[in-house]
Amino acid sequence: MNNEAFFPAFIHSYFIALGVLLGGTLIGAIGAFLAGEPPLSKMYDFANQLKIWALVAAIGGTFDAFYSFERGILQGETRDIVKQVLLIISGMGGAQTGWVIIYWLTQEHIS
């Protein structure tokens, strides 16, 4: 993990995941519209596909996460494991928030 303080990194992780999911979904919907596909249905599909990538972007790539887990397990630095788990949870929360916003916007659950 870089030298950024934990609480700002926690907030950044949430909003990066939220931004990746919302931005990717909205830009993808524009592309779907230009291609003659239904944009709202494609938005819902894109949101489902982008959730994991939003999380990866939020935690800064998977190698930092693995390095923190390795350091926590092999060197006994459990603080790094806890911080990394909390950053992952924050990113998951941001991705889920973005998905819920798209879910509400597209209303794919209404038949």
N, C-alpha and C. Protein backbone atom coordinates (compact mmCIF):
# COMPACT_ATOMS: atom_id res chain seq x y z
N MET A 1 0.86 -1.17 0.00
CA MET A 1 0.00 0.00 0.00
C MET A 1 0.90 1.23 0.00
N ASN A 2 0.46 2.28 -0.64
CA ASN A 2 1.27 3.49 -0.71
C ASN A 2 1.23 4.25 0.62
N ASN A 3 1.80 5.44 0.64
CA ASN A 3 1.93 6.21 1.87
C ASN A 3 0.69 7.04 2.20
N GLU A 4 -0.38 6.86 1.47
CA GLU A 4 -1.61 7.60 1.72
C GLU A 4 -2.21 7.16 3.06
N ALA A 5 -2.73 8.11 3.82
CA ALA A 5 -3.38 7.79 5.08
C ALA A 5 -4.57 6.87 4.82
N PHE A 6 -4.92 6.06 5.81
CA PHE A 6 -5.93 5.04 5.59
C PHE A 6 -7.31 5.61 5.31
N PHE A 7 -7.78 6.56 6.12
CA PHE A 7 -9.15 7.05 5.94
C PHE A 7 -9.37 7.70 4.58
N PRO A 8 -8.46 8.57 4.10
CA PRO A 8 -8.64 9.08 2.73
C PRO A 8 -8.61 7.96 1.68
N ALA A 9 -7.77 6.96 1.87
CA ALA A 9 -7.72 5.84 0.93
C ALA A 9 -9.03 5.05 0.96
N PHE A 10 -9.63 4.93 2.12
CA PHE A 10 -10.91 4.24 2.28
C PHE A 10 -12.00 4.96 1.48
N ILE A 11 -12.04 6.29 1.61
CA ILE A 11 -13.03 7.10 0.89
C ILE A 11 -12.74 7.07 -0.61
N HIS A 12 -11.47 7.19 -0.99
CA HIS A 12 -11.10 7.15 -2.40
C HIS A 12 -11.49 5.81 -3.03
N SER A 13 -11.29 4.74 -2.32
CA SER A 13 -11.63 3.42 -2.84
C SER A 13 -13.12 3.33 -3.16
N TYR A 14 -13.95 3.84 -2.27
CA TYR A 14 -15.40 3.82 -2.49
C TYR A 14 -15.78 4.60 -3.74
N PHE A 15 -15.28 5.83 -3.84
CA PHE A 15 -15.70 6.70 -4.93
C PHE A 15 -15.05 6.34 -6.26
N ILE A 16 -13.87 5.75 -6.24
CA ILE A 16 -13.28 5.27 -7.49
C ILE A 16 -14.12 4.14 -8.06
N ALA A 17 -14.51 3.19 -7.22
CA ALA A 17 -15.35 2.09 -7.68
C ALA A 17 -16.69 2.61 -8.19
N LEU A 18 -17.27 3.54 -7.47
CA LEU A 18 -18.54 4.13 -7.90
C LEU A 18 -18.39 4.83 -9.24
N GLY A 19 -17.33 5.60 -9.41
CA GLY A 19 -17.10 6.33 -10.65
C GLY A 19 -16.81 5.42 -11.83
N VAL A 20 -16.03 4.37 -11.60
CA VAL A 20 -15.74 3.43 -12.69
C VAL A 20 -17.02 2.77 -13.15
N LEU A 21 -17.85 2.34 -12.22
CA LEU A 21 -19.07 1.65 -12.60
C LEU A 21 -20.05 2.59 -13.30
N LEU A 22 -20.30 3.75 -12.72
CA LEU A 22 -21.25 4.69 -13.33
C LEU A 22 -20.73 5.23 -14.66
N GLY A 23 -19.48 5.63 -14.69
CA GLY A 23 -18.91 6.18 -15.91
C GLY A 23 -18.84 5.16 -17.03
N GLY A 24 -18.36 3.97 -16.72
CA GLY A 24 -18.28 2.93 -17.73
C GLY A 24 -19.63 2.53 -18.26
N THR A 25 -20.60 2.46 -17.38
CA THR A 25 -21.95 2.09 -17.78
C THR A 25 -22.59 3.17 -18.66
N LEU A 26 -22.45 4.42 -18.27
CA LEU A 26 -23.06 5.50 -19.04
C LEU A 26 -22.40 5.68 -20.41
N ILE A 27 -21.08 5.59 -20.46
CA ILE A 27 -20.38 5.69 -21.74
C ILE A 27 -20.70 4.49 -22.62
N GLY A 28 -20.79 3.31 -22.01
CA GLY A 28 -21.17 2.12 -22.76
C GLY A 28 -22.58 2.23 -23.33
N ALA A 29 -23.48 2.86 -22.58
CA ALA A 29 -24.85 3.06 -23.07
C ALA A 29 -24.89 3.99 -24.27
N ILE A 30 -24.01 4.99 -24.28
CA ILE A 30 -23.93 5.86 -25.46
C ILE A 30 -23.49 5.05 -26.67
N GLY A 31 -22.50 4.19 -26.47
CA GLY A 31 -22.05 3.32 -27.56
C GLY A 31 -23.15 2.38 -28.02
N ALA A 32 -23.91 1.85 -27.08
CA ALA A 32 -25.02 0.96 -27.44
C ALA A 32 -26.07 1.73 -28.25
N PHE A 33 -26.36 2.95 -27.85
CA PHE A 33 -27.33 3.77 -28.58
C PHE A 33 -26.86 4.01 -30.01
N LEU A 34 -25.57 4.35 -30.15
CA LEU A 34 -25.03 4.60 -31.48
C LEU A 34 -25.01 3.34 -32.35
N ALA A 35 -24.92 2.18 -31.70
CA ALA A 35 -24.92 0.91 -32.43
C ALA A 35 -26.33 0.40 -32.70
N GLY A 36 -27.35 1.12 -32.23
CA GLY A 36 -28.72 0.73 -32.48
C GLY A 36 -29.25 -0.32 -31.52
N GLU A 37 -28.61 -0.48 -30.38
CA GLU A 37 -29.06 -1.43 -29.36
C GLU A 37 -29.82 -0.67 -28.28
N PRO A 38 -30.64 -1.37 -27.48
CA PRO A 38 -31.39 -0.68 -26.42
C PRO A 38 -30.45 -0.23 -25.30
N PRO A 39 -30.30 1.09 -25.11
CA PRO A 39 -29.30 1.58 -24.16
C PRO A 39 -29.59 1.22 -22.70
N LEU A 40 -30.85 1.22 -22.27
CA LEU A 40 -31.13 0.93 -20.87
C LEU A 40 -30.84 -0.54 -20.54
N SER A 41 -31.21 -1.42 -21.43
CA SER A 41 -30.91 -2.84 -21.19
C SER A 41 -29.41 -3.09 -21.20
N LYS A 42 -28.71 -2.42 -22.11
CA LYS A 42 -27.25 -2.58 -22.16
C LYS A 42 -26.59 -1.96 -20.93
N MET A 43 -27.17 -0.88 -20.40
CA MET A 43 -26.63 -0.29 -19.18
C MET A 43 -26.65 -1.30 -18.04
N TYR A 44 -27.77 -1.99 -17.92
CA TYR A 44 -27.90 -3.01 -16.87
C TYR A 44 -26.87 -4.12 -17.08
N ASP A 45 -26.69 -4.56 -18.31
CA ASP A 45 -25.70 -5.59 -18.61
C ASP A 45 -24.28 -5.10 -18.31
N PHE A 46 -23.98 -3.88 -18.73
CA PHE A 46 -22.66 -3.32 -18.48
C PHE A 46 -22.38 -3.18 -16.99
N ALA A 47 -23.38 -2.76 -16.22
CA ALA A 47 -23.21 -2.61 -14.77
C ALA A 47 -22.87 -3.95 -14.13
N ASN A 48 -23.52 -5.01 -14.57
CA ASN A 48 -23.21 -6.34 -14.04
C ASN A 48 -21.80 -6.77 -14.39
N GLN A 49 -21.36 -6.44 -15.60
CA GLN A 49 -20.03 -6.86 -16.05
C GLN A 49 -18.91 -6.02 -15.43
N LEU A 50 -19.20 -4.77 -15.10
CA LEU A 50 -18.16 -3.86 -14.62
C LEU A 50 -17.93 -3.91 -13.11
N LYS A 51 -18.78 -4.60 -12.36
CA LYS A 51 -18.64 -4.58 -10.90
C LYS A 51 -17.26 -5.04 -10.45
N ILE A 52 -16.76 -6.15 -10.98
CA ILE A 52 -15.46 -6.66 -10.54
C ILE A 52 -14.33 -5.73 -10.98
N TRP A 53 -14.46 -5.13 -12.16
CA TRP A 53 -13.41 -4.23 -12.64
C TRP A 53 -13.39 -2.93 -11.85
N ALA A 54 -14.54 -2.49 -11.40
CA ALA A 54 -14.59 -1.30 -10.55
C ALA A 54 -13.87 -1.57 -9.23
N LEU A 55 -14.05 -2.77 -8.70
CA LEU A 55 -13.36 -3.14 -7.46
C LEU A 55 -11.85 -3.20 -7.68
N VAL A 56 -11.41 -3.81 -8.77
CA VAL A 56 -9.97 -3.90 -9.06
C VAL A 56 -9.37 -2.51 -9.22
N ALA A 57 -10.07 -1.62 -9.91
CA ALA A 57 -9.57 -0.25 -10.08
C ALA A 57 -9.51 0.48 -8.74
N ALA A 58 -10.48 0.23 -7.88
CA ALA A 58 -10.55 0.93 -6.60
C ALA A 58 -9.41 0.54 -5.67
N ILE A 59 -9.02 -0.71 -5.68
CA ILE A 59 -7.94 -1.12 -4.77
C ILE A 59 -6.57 -0.93 -5.39
N GLY A 60 -6.53 -0.41 -6.61
CA GLY A 60 -5.25 -0.07 -7.22
C GLY A 60 -4.57 -1.24 -7.88
N GLY A 61 -5.28 -2.22 -8.30
CA GLY A 61 -4.69 -3.40 -8.93
C GLY A 61 -4.56 -4.53 -7.92
N THR A 62 -4.48 -5.72 -8.42
CA THR A 62 -4.49 -6.88 -7.54
C THR A 62 -3.14 -7.15 -6.89
N PHE A 63 -2.05 -6.68 -7.47
CA PHE A 63 -0.74 -7.01 -6.92
C PHE A 63 -0.49 -6.34 -5.58
N ASP A 64 -0.98 -5.12 -5.40
CA ASP A 64 -0.85 -4.47 -4.10
C ASP A 64 -1.61 -5.24 -3.03
N ALA A 65 -2.78 -5.71 -3.39
CA ALA A 65 -3.57 -6.47 -2.42
C ALA A 65 -2.84 -7.76 -2.03
N PHE A 66 -2.30 -8.47 -3.02
CA PHE A 66 -1.58 -9.71 -2.72
C PHE A 66 -0.33 -9.44 -1.89
N TYR A 67 0.37 -8.35 -2.20
CA TYR A 67 1.56 -8.01 -1.43
C TYR A 67 1.21 -7.70 0.02
N SER A 68 0.12 -6.99 0.23
CA SER A 68 -0.30 -6.69 1.60
C SER A 68 -0.69 -7.95 2.36
N PHE A 69 -1.40 -8.86 1.69
CA PHE A 69 -1.75 -10.12 2.34
C PHE A 69 -0.51 -10.94 2.64
N GLU A 70 0.44 -10.97 1.71
CA GLU A 70 1.67 -11.72 1.93
C GLU A 70 2.44 -11.15 3.12
N ARG A 71 2.56 -9.84 3.16
CA ARG A 71 3.27 -9.20 4.26
C ARG A 71 2.56 -9.46 5.59
N GLY A 72 1.23 -9.45 5.55
CA GLY A 72 0.47 -9.70 6.77
C GLY A 72 0.61 -11.12 7.27
N ILE A 73 0.63 -12.08 6.35
CA ILE A 73 0.71 -13.48 6.75
C ILE A 73 2.14 -13.89 7.09
N LEU A 74 3.09 -13.58 6.20
CA LEU A 74 4.45 -14.06 6.38
C LEU A 74 5.25 -13.24 7.38
N GLN A 75 4.96 -11.96 7.49
CA GLN A 75 5.73 -11.11 8.40
C GLN A 75 4.95 -10.74 9.65
N GLY A 76 3.76 -11.28 9.78
CA GLY A 76 2.98 -11.07 10.99
C GLY A 76 2.41 -9.67 11.14
N GLU A 77 2.27 -8.94 10.06
CA GLU A 77 1.72 -7.58 10.12
C GLU A 77 0.22 -7.65 9.82
N THR A 78 -0.55 -7.98 10.82
CA THR A 78 -1.99 -8.16 10.63
C THR A 78 -2.70 -6.84 10.35
N ARG A 79 -2.10 -5.75 10.73
CA ARG A 79 -2.69 -4.45 10.45
C ARG A 79 -2.85 -4.24 8.95
N ASP A 80 -1.87 -4.68 8.16
CA ASP A 80 -1.96 -4.55 6.71
C ASP A 80 -3.09 -5.39 6.14
N ILE A 81 -3.31 -6.57 6.69
CA ILE A 81 -4.41 -7.42 6.22
C ILE A 81 -5.74 -6.74 6.50
N VAL A 82 -5.90 -6.23 7.70
CA VAL A 82 -7.16 -5.58 8.07
C VAL A 82 -7.40 -4.36 7.19
N LYS A 83 -6.38 -3.55 6.97
CA LYS A 83 -6.53 -2.37 6.12
C LYS A 83 -6.92 -2.77 4.71
N GLN A 84 -6.27 -3.80 4.17
CA GLN A 84 -6.56 -4.20 2.80
C GLN A 84 -7.98 -4.76 2.69
N VAL A 85 -8.42 -5.52 3.68
CA VAL A 85 -9.79 -6.04 3.68
C VAL A 85 -10.79 -4.89 3.75
N LEU A 86 -10.52 -3.90 4.56
CA LEU A 86 -11.42 -2.75 4.65
C LEU A 86 -11.45 -1.95 3.35
N LEU A 87 -10.31 -1.82 2.68
CA LEU A 87 -10.29 -1.13 1.39
C LEU A 87 -11.08 -1.91 0.34
N ILE A 88 -10.98 -3.23 0.37
CA ILE A 88 -11.75 -4.06 -0.56
C ILE A 88 -13.24 -3.92 -0.27
N ILE A 89 -13.61 -3.92 0.99
CA ILE A 89 -15.02 -3.75 1.36
C ILE A 89 -15.53 -2.38 0.92
N SER A 90 -14.70 -1.36 1.06
CA SER A 90 -15.08 -0.02 0.62
C SER A 90 -15.30 0.01 -0.89
N GLY A 91 -14.39 -0.61 -1.63
CA GLY A 91 -14.54 -0.68 -3.09
C GLY A 91 -15.78 -1.47 -3.49
N MET A 92 -16.05 -2.55 -2.77
CA MET A 92 -17.26 -3.34 -3.05
C MET A 92 -18.50 -2.51 -2.78
N GLY A 93 -18.47 -1.72 -1.73
CA GLY A 93 -19.60 -0.84 -1.42
C GLY A 93 -19.83 0.19 -2.51
N GLY A 94 -18.76 0.78 -3.04
CA GLY A 94 -18.89 1.75 -4.12
C GLY A 94 -19.43 1.10 -5.39
N ALA A 95 -18.94 -0.09 -5.72
CA ALA A 95 -19.42 -0.79 -6.90
C ALA A 95 -20.89 -1.18 -6.73
N GLN A 96 -21.26 -1.63 -5.54
CA GLN A 96 -22.65 -2.01 -5.29
C GLN A 96 -23.57 -0.79 -5.34
N THR A 97 -23.11 0.33 -4.81
CA THR A 97 -23.90 1.56 -4.87
C THR A 97 -24.15 1.97 -6.32
N GLY A 98 -23.10 1.93 -7.13
CA GLY A 98 -23.26 2.24 -8.54
C GLY A 98 -24.20 1.29 -9.23
N TRP A 99 -24.11 0.01 -8.91
CA TRP A 99 -24.99 -0.98 -9.52
C TRP A 99 -26.44 -0.72 -9.13
N VAL A 100 -26.68 -0.37 -7.86
CA VAL A 100 -28.05 -0.08 -7.41
C VAL A 100 -28.59 1.16 -8.13
N ILE A 101 -27.77 2.17 -8.33
CA ILE A 101 -28.21 3.37 -9.05
C ILE A 101 -28.61 3.00 -10.47
N ILE A 102 -27.80 2.20 -11.14
CA ILE A 102 -28.12 1.77 -12.51
C ILE A 102 -29.36 0.89 -12.50
N TYR A 103 -29.49 0.03 -11.52
CA TYR A 103 -30.66 -0.85 -11.39
C TYR A 103 -31.93 -0.01 -11.26
N TRP A 104 -31.88 1.03 -10.42
CA TRP A 104 -33.03 1.92 -10.26
C TRP A 104 -33.31 2.70 -11.55
N LEU A 105 -32.25 3.16 -12.19
CA LEU A 105 -32.40 3.97 -13.39
C LEU A 105 -32.99 3.16 -14.54
N THR A 106 -32.52 1.96 -14.73
CA THR A 106 -32.97 1.16 -15.87
C THR A 106 -34.26 0.43 -15.59
N GLN A 107 -34.58 0.18 -14.34
CA GLN A 107 -35.78 -0.54 -13.91
C GLN A 107 -35.91 -1.88 -14.62
N GLU A 108 -34.79 -2.60 -14.74
CA GLU A 108 -34.80 -3.92 -15.39
C GLU A 108 -35.59 -4.95 -14.59
N HIS A 109 -35.82 -4.69 -13.33
CA HIS A 109 -36.55 -5.63 -12.49
C HIS A 109 -38.06 -5.57 -12.73
N ILE A 110 -38.52 -4.54 -13.42
CA ILE A 110 -39.96 -4.39 -13.69
C ILE A 110 -40.25 -5.02 -15.05
N SER A 111 -41.15 -5.98 -15.07
CA SER A 111 -41.47 -6.66 -16.33
C SER A 111 -42.72 -6.11 -16.96
